[in-house]
Amino acid sequence: MATKQTRRSRPRRVRTAEGERILRTLNEFVPPAARTHLRQARREVLLAIRDVLDHAIARAETAARARRLRRVRVE
Protein backbone atom coordinates (compact mmCIF):
# COMPACT_ATOMS: atom_id res chain seq x y z
CA MET A 1 0.00 0.00 0.00
CA ALA A 2 1.51 3.30 -1.06
CA THR A 3 1.68 6.08 1.45
CA LYS A 4 1.38 9.69 0.57
CA GLN A 5 4.54 11.61 1.32
CA THR A 6 4.09 15.01 2.79
CA ARG A 7 6.53 17.83 2.42
CA ARG A 8 8.33 18.66 5.62
CA SER A 9 8.27 22.24 6.66
CA ARG A 10 9.80 24.20 9.45
CA PRO A 11 8.00 23.84 12.73
CA ARG A 12 5.90 26.88 13.43
CA ARG A 13 6.95 28.97 16.36
CA VAL A 14 4.29 29.36 18.95
CA ARG A 15 4.04 32.97 20.02
CA THR A 16 3.25 33.33 23.66
CA ALA A 17 2.98 36.44 25.79
CA GLU A 18 6.11 35.39 27.66
CA GLY A 19 8.01 34.82 24.41
CA GLU A 20 6.96 38.20 23.13
CA ARG A 21 8.21 39.85 26.33
CA ILE A 22 11.56 38.08 25.99
CA LEU A 23 11.90 39.23 22.36
CA ARG A 24 11.05 42.82 23.27
CA THR A 25 13.60 42.76 26.10
CA LEU A 26 16.32 41.35 23.82
CA ASN A 27 15.49 43.94 21.18
CA GLU A 28 15.99 46.66 23.78
CA PHE A 29 19.52 45.46 24.62
CA VAL A 30 20.71 44.28 21.19
CA PRO A 31 20.83 46.99 18.56
CA PRO A 32 19.63 46.23 15.01
CA ALA A 33 23.15 46.27 13.55
CA ALA A 34 24.29 43.69 16.10
CA ARG A 35 21.27 41.49 15.34
CA THR A 36 22.21 41.58 11.66
CA HIS A 37 25.79 40.56 12.47
CA LEU A 38 24.58 37.76 14.73
CA ARG A 39 22.29 36.41 11.99
CA GLN A 40 25.14 36.50 9.49
CA ALA A 41 27.48 34.81 11.98
CA ARG A 42 24.94 32.04 12.56
CA ARG A 43 24.72 31.52 8.79
CA GLU A 44 28.52 31.32 8.50
CA VAL A 45 28.70 28.76 11.31
CA LEU A 46 26.06 26.62 9.58
CA LEU A 47 27.96 26.86 6.28
CA ALA A 48 31.17 25.80 8.05
CA ILE A 49 29.39 22.80 9.59
CA ARG A 50 28.07 21.86 6.16
CA ASP A 51 31.63 21.98 4.76
CA VAL A 52 32.90 19.74 7.56
CA LEU A 53 30.08 17.24 6.96
CA ASP A 54 30.64 17.25 3.18
CA HIS A 55 34.33 16.56 3.73
CA ALA A 56 33.60 13.72 6.18
CA ILE A 57 31.09 12.17 3.76
CA ALA A 58 33.57 12.36 0.88
CA ARG A 59 36.26 10.68 2.99
CA ALA A 60 33.86 7.93 4.05
CA GLU A 61 32.81 7.31 0.45
CA THR A 62 36.44 7.19 -0.72
CA ALA A 63 37.34 4.74 2.05
CA ALA A 64 34.36 2.53 1.21
CA ARG A 65 35.35 2.48 -2.47
CA ALA A 66 38.95 1.62 -1.57
CA ARG A 67 37.79 -1.32 0.54
CA ARG A 68 35.63 -2.69 -2.26
CA LEU A 69 38.42 -2.41 -4.84
CA ARG A 70 41.11 -4.06 -2.74
CA ARG A 71 43.11 -6.71 -4.59
CA VAL A 72 42.94 -10.22 -3.27
CA ARG A 73 45.73 -12.65 -4.07
CA VAL A 74 44.46 -16.03 -5.16
CA GLU A 75 46.79 -19.03 -5.01
PDB file of N, CA and C in Angstrom:
ATOM      1  N   MET A   1       0.839  -1.172   0.000  1.00  0.00           N
ATOM      2  CA  MET A   1       0.000   0.000   0.000  1.00  0.00           C
ATOM      3  C   MET A   1       0.890   1.243   0.000  1.00  0.00           C
ATOM      4  N   ALA A   2       0.701   2.092  -0.946  1.00  0.00           N
ATOM      5  CA  ALA A   2       1.509   3.300  -1.056  1.00  0.00           C
ATOM      6  C   ALA A   2       1.038   4.336  -0.044  1.00  0.00           C
ATOM      7  N   THR A   3       2.027   5.022   0.517  1.00  0.00           N
ATOM      8  CA  THR A   3       1.679   6.083   1.452  1.00  0.00           C
ATOM      9  C   THR A   3       1.983   7.422   0.808  1.00  0.00           C
ATOM     10  N   LYS A   4       1.180   8.369   1.129  1.00  0.00           N
ATOM     11  CA  LYS A   4       1.378   9.690   0.570  1.00  0.00           C
ATOM     12  C   LYS A   4       2.462  10.405   1.368  1.00  0.00           C
ATOM     13  N   GLN A   5       3.485  10.885   0.644  1.00  0.00           N
ATOM     14  CA  GLN A   5       4.542  11.607   1.322  1.00  0.00           C
ATOM     15  C   GLN A   5       4.151  13.074   1.433  1.00  0.00           C
ATOM     16  N   THR A   6       4.375  13.597   2.595  1.00  0.00           N
ATOM     17  CA  THR A   6       4.087  15.011   2.788  1.00  0.00           C
ATOM     18  C   THR A   6       5.396  15.771   2.840  1.00  0.00           C
ATOM     19  N   ARG A   7       5.355  16.987   2.420  1.00  0.00           N
ATOM     20  CA  ARG A   7       6.530  17.827   2.423  1.00  0.00           C
ATOM     21  C   ARG A   7       6.772  18.327   3.841  1.00  0.00           C
ATOM     22  N   ARG A   8       7.999  18.168   4.288  1.00  0.00           N
ATOM     23  CA  ARG A   8       8.327  18.656   5.624  1.00  0.00           C
ATOM     24  C   ARG A   8       8.553  20.146   5.577  1.00  0.00           C
ATOM     25  N   SER A   9       8.061  20.803   6.570  1.00  0.00           N
ATOM     26  CA  SER A   9       8.274  22.237   6.659  1.00  0.00           C
ATOM     27  C   SER A   9       8.834  22.564   8.030  1.00  0.00           C
ATOM     28  N   ARG A  10       9.282  23.784   8.157  1.00  0.00           N
ATOM     29  CA  ARG A  10       9.802  24.201   9.452  1.00  0.00           C
ATOM     30  C   ARG A  10       8.695  24.190  10.482  1.00  0.00           C
ATOM     31  N   PRO A  11       9.027  23.776  11.692  1.00  0.00           N
ATOM     32  CA  PRO A  11       8.003  23.841  12.733  1.00  0.00           C
ATOM     33  C   PRO A  11       7.628  25.294  12.985  1.00  0.00           C
ATOM     34  N   ARG A  12       6.355  25.516  13.162  1.00  0.00           N
ATOM     35  CA  ARG A  12       5.903  26.884  13.434  1.00  0.00           C
ATOM     36  C   ARG A  12       6.239  27.259  14.858  1.00  0.00           C
ATOM     37  N   ARG A  13       6.657  28.480  15.013  1.00  0.00           N
ATOM     38  CA  ARG A  13       6.946  28.969  16.360  1.00  0.00           C
ATOM     39  C   ARG A  13       5.649  29.407  17.007  1.00  0.00           C
ATOM     40  N   VAL A  14       5.482  28.976  18.215  1.00  0.00           N
ATOM     41  CA  VAL A  14       4.289  29.363  18.954  1.00  0.00           C
ATOM     42  C   VAL A  14       4.606  30.668  19.678  1.00  0.00           C
ATOM     43  N   ARG A  15       3.840  31.669  19.379  1.00  0.00           N
ATOM     44  CA  ARG A  15       4.044  32.970  20.016  1.00  0.00           C
ATOM     45  C   ARG A  15       3.222  33.027  21.292  1.00  0.00           C
ATOM     46  N   THR A  16       3.927  33.201  22.378  1.00  0.00           N
ATOM     47  CA  THR A  16       3.249  33.335  23.664  1.00  0.00           C
ATOM     48  C   THR A  16       3.530  34.726  24.203  1.00  0.00           C
ATOM     49  N   ALA A  17       2.769  35.121  25.169  1.00  0.00           N
ATOM     50  CA  ALA A  17       2.981  36.436  25.786  1.00  0.00           C
ATOM     51  C   ALA A  17       4.375  36.506  26.405  1.00  0.00           C
ATOM     52  N   GLU A  18       4.790  35.413  27.037  1.00  0.00           N
ATOM     53  CA  GLU A  18       6.114  35.388  27.660  1.00  0.00           C
ATOM     54  C   GLU A  18       7.204  35.484  26.596  1.00  0.00           C
ATOM     55  N   GLY A  19       7.039  34.766  25.497  1.00  0.00           N
ATOM     56  CA  GLY A  19       8.008  34.816  24.410  1.00  0.00           C
ATOM     57  C   GLY A  19       8.106  36.198  23.801  1.00  0.00           C
ATOM     58  N   GLU A  20       6.980  36.841  23.651  1.00  0.00           N
ATOM     59  CA  GLU A  20       6.961  38.205  23.127  1.00  0.00           C
ATOM     60  C   GLU A  20       7.704  39.155  24.057  1.00  0.00           C
ATOM     61  N   ARG A  21       7.507  38.997  25.365  1.00  0.00           N
ATOM     62  CA  ARG A  21       8.207  39.850  26.334  1.00  0.00           C
ATOM     63  C   ARG A  21       9.717  39.641  26.244  1.00  0.00           C
ATOM     64  N   ILE A  22      10.123  38.386  26.099  1.00  0.00           N
ATOM     65  CA  ILE A  22      11.557  38.085  25.991  1.00  0.00           C
ATOM     66  C   ILE A  22      12.135  38.734  24.734  1.00  0.00           C
ATOM     67  N   LEU A  23      11.428  38.620  23.604  1.00  0.00           N
ATOM     68  CA  LEU A  23      11.901  39.232  22.361  1.00  0.00           C
ATOM     69  C   LEU A  23      12.005  40.738  22.488  1.00  0.00           C
ATOM     70  N   ARG A  24      11.009  41.361  23.096  1.00  0.00           N
ATOM     71  CA  ARG A  24      11.046  42.818  23.273  1.00  0.00           C
ATOM     72  C   ARG A  24      12.234  43.219  24.139  1.00  0.00           C
ATOM     73  N   THR A  25      12.483  42.452  25.208  1.00  0.00           N
ATOM     74  CA  THR A  25      13.599  42.755  26.102  1.00  0.00           C
ATOM     75  C   THR A  25      14.924  42.613  25.358  1.00  0.00           C
ATOM     76  N   LEU A  26      15.088  41.535  24.596  1.00  0.00           N
ATOM     77  CA  LEU A  26      16.319  41.353  23.822  1.00  0.00           C
ATOM     78  C   LEU A  26      16.497  42.476  22.813  1.00  0.00           C
ATOM     79  N   ASN A  27      15.415  42.863  22.173  1.00  0.00           N
ATOM     80  CA  ASN A  27      15.490  43.938  21.184  1.00  0.00           C
ATOM     81  C   ASN A  27      15.904  45.267  21.817  1.00  0.00           C
ATOM     82  N   GLU A  28      15.576  45.448  23.090  1.00  0.00           N
ATOM     83  CA  GLU A  28      15.995  46.665  23.782  1.00  0.00           C
ATOM     84  C   GLU A  28      17.500  46.688  24.001  1.00  0.00           C
ATOM     85  N   PHE A  29      18.091  45.525  24.276  1.00  0.00           N
ATOM     86  CA  PHE A  29      19.516  45.458  24.617  1.00  0.00           C
ATOM     87  C   PHE A  29      20.416  45.211  23.411  1.00  0.00           C
ATOM     88  N   VAL A  30      19.897  44.608  22.364  1.00  0.00           N
ATOM     89  CA  VAL A  30      20.714  44.285  21.187  1.00  0.00           C
ATOM     90  C   VAL A  30      20.296  45.210  20.052  1.00  0.00           C
ATOM     91  N   PRO A  31      21.197  46.066  19.630  1.00  0.00           N
ATOM     92  CA  PRO A  31      20.834  46.995  18.556  1.00  0.00           C
ATOM     93  C   PRO A  31      20.645  46.275  17.224  1.00  0.00           C
ATOM     94  N   PRO A  32      19.909  46.880  16.295  1.00  0.00           N
ATOM     95  CA  PRO A  32      19.630  46.230  15.011  1.00  0.00           C
ATOM     96  C   PRO A  32      20.882  45.799  14.249  1.00  0.00           C
ATOM     97  N   ALA A  33      21.920  46.625  14.267  1.00  0.00           N
ATOM     98  CA  ALA A  33      23.151  46.265  13.552  1.00  0.00           C
ATOM     99  C   ALA A  33      23.765  45.000  14.144  1.00  0.00           C
ATOM    100  N   ALA A  34      23.740  44.885  15.456  1.00  0.00           N
ATOM    101  CA  ALA A  34      24.289  43.686  16.103  1.00  0.00           C
ATOM    102  C   ALA A  34      23.449  42.457  15.773  1.00  0.00           C
ATOM    103  N   ARG A  35      22.127  42.632  15.703  1.00  0.00           N
ATOM    104  CA  ARG A  35      21.269  41.494  15.343  1.00  0.00           C
ATOM    105  C   ARG A  35      21.597  41.005  13.938  1.00  0.00           C
ATOM    106  N   THR A  36      21.851  41.957  13.031  1.00  0.00           N
ATOM    107  CA  THR A  36      22.213  41.579  11.662  1.00  0.00           C
ATOM    108  C   THR A  36      23.521  40.793  11.655  1.00  0.00           C
ATOM    109  N   HIS A  37      24.509  41.270  12.400  1.00  0.00           N
ATOM    110  CA  HIS A  37      25.791  40.565  12.474  1.00  0.00           C
ATOM    111  C   HIS A  37      25.631  39.171  13.079  1.00  0.00           C
ATOM    112  N   LEU A  38      24.796  39.065  14.096  1.00  0.00           N
ATOM    113  CA  LEU A  38      24.576  37.764  14.728  1.00  0.00           C
ATOM    114  C   LEU A  38      23.899  36.784  13.771  1.00  0.00           C
ATOM    115  N   ARG A  39      22.938  37.272  12.987  1.00  0.00           N
ATOM    116  CA  ARG A  39      22.287  36.411  11.991  1.00  0.00           C
ATOM    117  C   ARG A  39      23.289  35.933  10.952  1.00  0.00           C
ATOM    118  N   GLN A  40      24.131  36.861  10.488  1.00  0.00           N
ATOM    119  CA  GLN A  40      25.138  36.497   9.494  1.00  0.00           C
ATOM    120  C   GLN A  40      26.161  35.520  10.072  1.00  0.00           C
ATOM    121  N   ALA A  41      26.536  35.718  11.327  1.00  0.00           N
ATOM    122  CA  ALA A  41      27.483  34.813  11.976  1.00  0.00           C
ATOM    123  C   ALA A  41      26.883  33.411  12.106  1.00  0.00           C
ATOM    124  N   ARG A  42      25.602  33.348  12.449  1.00  0.00           N
ATOM    125  CA  ARG A  42      24.937  32.045  12.559  1.00  0.00           C
ATOM    126  C   ARG A  42      24.955  31.341  11.211  1.00  0.00           C
ATOM    127  N   ARG A  43      24.691  32.091  10.141  1.00  0.00           N
ATOM    128  CA  ARG A  43      24.715  31.520   8.790  1.00  0.00           C
ATOM    129  C   ARG A  43      26.105  30.991   8.460  1.00  0.00           C
ATOM    130  N   GLU A  44      27.145  31.752   8.787  1.00  0.00           N
ATOM    131  CA  GLU A  44      28.515  31.320   8.502  1.00  0.00           C
ATOM    132  C   GLU A  44      28.877  30.062   9.271  1.00  0.00           C
ATOM    133  N   VAL A  45      28.433  29.970  10.519  1.00  0.00           N
ATOM    134  CA  VAL A  45      28.696  28.759  11.307  1.00  0.00           C
ATOM    135  C   VAL A  45      28.011  27.557  10.661  1.00  0.00           C
ATOM    136  N   LEU A  46      26.774  27.730  10.221  1.00  0.00           N
ATOM    137  CA  LEU A  46      26.063  26.625   9.576  1.00  0.00           C
ATOM    138  C   LEU A  46      26.747  26.219   8.269  1.00  0.00           C
ATOM    139  N   LEU A  47      27.237  27.179   7.506  1.00  0.00           N
ATOM    140  CA  LEU A  47      27.964  26.858   6.279  1.00  0.00           C
ATOM    141  C   LEU A  47      29.256  26.104   6.589  1.00  0.00           C
ATOM    142  N   ALA A  48      29.943  26.495   7.651  1.00  0.00           N
ATOM    143  CA  ALA A  48      31.168  25.797   8.051  1.00  0.00           C
ATOM    144  C   ALA A  48      30.862  24.354   8.451  1.00  0.00           C
ATOM    145  N   ILE A  49      29.785  24.158   9.191  1.00  0.00           N
ATOM    146  CA  ILE A  49      29.392  22.798   9.593  1.00  0.00           C
ATOM    147  C   ILE A  49      29.073  21.973   8.361  1.00  0.00           C
ATOM    148  N   ARG A  50      28.390  22.580   7.386  1.00  0.00           N
ATOM    149  CA  ARG A  50      28.069  21.860   6.158  1.00  0.00           C
ATOM    150  C   ARG A  50      29.342  21.443   5.431  1.00  0.00           C
ATOM    151  N   ASP A  51      30.360  22.328   5.387  1.00  0.00           N
ATOM    152  CA  ASP A  51      31.631  21.980   4.755  1.00  0.00           C
ATOM    153  C   ASP A  51      32.306  20.807   5.462  1.00  0.00           C
ATOM    154  N   VAL A  52      32.291  20.834   6.788  1.00  0.00           N
ATOM    155  CA  VAL A  52      32.898  19.740   7.556  1.00  0.00           C
ATOM    156  C   VAL A  52      32.175  18.427   7.258  1.00  0.00           C
ATOM    157  N   LEU A  53      30.846  18.460   7.236  1.00  0.00           N
ATOM    158  CA  LEU A  53      30.080  17.242   6.957  1.00  0.00           C
ATOM    159  C   LEU A  53      30.317  16.743   5.531  1.00  0.00           C
ATOM    160  N   ASP A  54      30.358  17.655   4.567  1.00  0.00           N
ATOM    161  CA  ASP A  54      30.636  17.253   3.182  1.00  0.00           C
ATOM    162  C   ASP A  54      31.990  16.583   3.074  1.00  0.00           C
ATOM    163  N   HIS A  55      32.985  17.139   3.753  1.00  0.00           N
ATOM    164  CA  HIS A  55      34.325  16.558   3.730  1.00  0.00           C
ATOM    165  C   HIS A  55      34.327  15.165   4.366  1.00  0.00           C
ATOM    166  N   ALA A  56      33.647  15.027   5.495  1.00  0.00           N
ATOM    167  CA  ALA A  56      33.596  13.724   6.176  1.00  0.00           C
ATOM    168  C   ALA A  56      32.876  12.689   5.312  1.00  0.00           C
ATOM    169  N   ILE A  57      31.821  13.094   4.638  1.00  0.00           N
ATOM    170  CA  ILE A  57      31.090  12.173   3.760  1.00  0.00           C
ATOM    171  C   ILE A  57      31.967  11.748   2.597  1.00  0.00           C
ATOM    172  N   ALA A  58      32.680  12.692   2.008  1.00  0.00           N
ATOM    173  CA  ALA A  58      33.565  12.365   0.885  1.00  0.00           C
ATOM    174  C   ALA A  58      34.657  11.390   1.318  1.00  0.00           C
ATOM    175  N   ARG A  59      35.228  11.615   2.493  1.00  0.00           N
ATOM    176  CA  ARG A  59      36.261  10.679   2.995  1.00  0.00           C
ATOM    177  C   ARG A  59      35.678   9.295   3.236  1.00  0.00           C
ATOM    178  N   ALA A  60      34.487   9.231   3.787  1.00  0.00           N
ATOM    179  CA  ALA A  60      33.862   7.935   4.051  1.00  0.00           C
ATOM    180  C   ALA A  60      33.560   7.205   2.744  1.00  0.00           C
ATOM    181  N   GLU A  61      33.095   7.938   1.742  1.00  0.00           N
ATOM    182  CA  GLU A  61      32.807   7.305   0.451  1.00  0.00           C
ATOM    183  C   GLU A  61      34.082   6.819  -0.217  1.00  0.00           C
ATOM    184  N   THR A  62      35.160   7.594  -0.139  1.00  0.00           N
ATOM    185  CA  THR A  62      36.441   7.190  -0.722  1.00  0.00           C
ATOM    186  C   THR A  62      36.963   5.945  -0.022  1.00  0.00           C
ATOM    187  N   ALA A  63      36.873   5.905   1.291  1.00  0.00           N
ATOM    188  CA  ALA A  63      37.344   4.740   2.049  1.00  0.00           C
ATOM    189  C   ALA A  63      36.511   3.507   1.705  1.00  0.00           C
ATOM    190  N   ALA A  64      35.216   3.669   1.549  1.00  0.00           N
ATOM    191  CA  ALA A  64      34.355   2.531   1.213  1.00  0.00           C
ATOM    192  C   ALA A  64      34.705   2.002  -0.171  1.00  0.00           C
ATOM    193  N   ARG A  65      34.962   2.903  -1.120  1.00  0.00           N
ATOM    194  CA  ARG A  65      35.348   2.477  -2.470  1.00  0.00           C
ATOM    195  C   ARG A  65      36.680   1.746  -2.444  1.00  0.00           C
ATOM    196  N   ALA A  66      37.629   2.241  -1.658  1.00  0.00           N
ATOM    197  CA  ALA A  66      38.948   1.618  -1.568  1.00  0.00           C
ATOM    198  C   ALA A  66      38.843   0.213  -0.990  1.00  0.00           C
ATOM    199  N   ARG A  67      37.958   0.016  -0.039  1.00  0.00           N
ATOM    200  CA  ARG A  67      37.791  -1.322   0.539  1.00  0.00           C
ATOM    201  C   ARG A  67      37.190  -2.282  -0.469  1.00  0.00           C
ATOM    202  N   ARG A  68      36.261  -1.807  -1.272  1.00  0.00           N
ATOM    203  CA  ARG A  68      35.628  -2.688  -2.263  1.00  0.00           C
ATOM    204  C   ARG A  68      36.600  -3.067  -3.363  1.00  0.00           C
ATOM    205  N   LEU A  69      37.534  -2.177  -3.704  1.00  0.00           N
ATOM    206  CA  LEU A  69      38.419  -2.411  -4.836  1.00  0.00           C
ATOM    207  C   LEU A  69      39.747  -3.018  -4.430  1.00  0.00           C
ATOM    208  N   ARG A  70      39.864  -3.504  -3.237  1.00  0.00           N
ATOM    209  CA  ARG A  70      41.108  -4.064  -2.744  1.00  0.00           C
ATOM    210  C   ARG A  70      41.445  -5.347  -3.506  1.00  0.00           C
ATOM    211  N   ARG A  71      42.687  -5.495  -3.883  1.00  0.00           N
ATOM    212  CA  ARG A  71      43.115  -6.713  -4.589  1.00  0.00           C
ATOM    213  C   ARG A  71      43.242  -7.869  -3.607  1.00  0.00           C
ATOM    214  N   VAL A  72      42.840  -9.015  -4.076  1.00  0.00           N
ATOM    215  CA  VAL A  72      42.938 -10.218  -3.272  1.00  0.00           C
ATOM    216  C   VAL A  72      43.805 -11.198  -4.045  1.00  0.00           C
ATOM    217  N   ARG A  73      44.839 -11.702  -3.416  1.00  0.00           N
ATOM    218  CA  ARG A  73      45.734 -12.648  -4.065  1.00  0.00           C
ATOM    219  C   ARG A  73      45.149 -14.050  -3.973  1.00  0.00           C
ATOM    220  N   VAL A  74      45.016 -14.679  -5.117  1.00  0.00           N
ATOM    221  CA  VAL A  74      44.456 -16.029  -5.158  1.00  0.00           C
ATOM    222  C   VAL A  74      45.581 -16.996  -5.525  1.00  0.00           C
ATOM    223  N   GLU A  75      45.730 -18.051  -4.734  1.00  0.00           N
ATOM    224  CA  GLU A  75      46.786 -19.032  -5.005  1.00  0.00           C
ATOM    225  C   GLU A  75      46.226 -20.242  -5.713  1.00  0.00           C
TER     226      GLU A  75
END
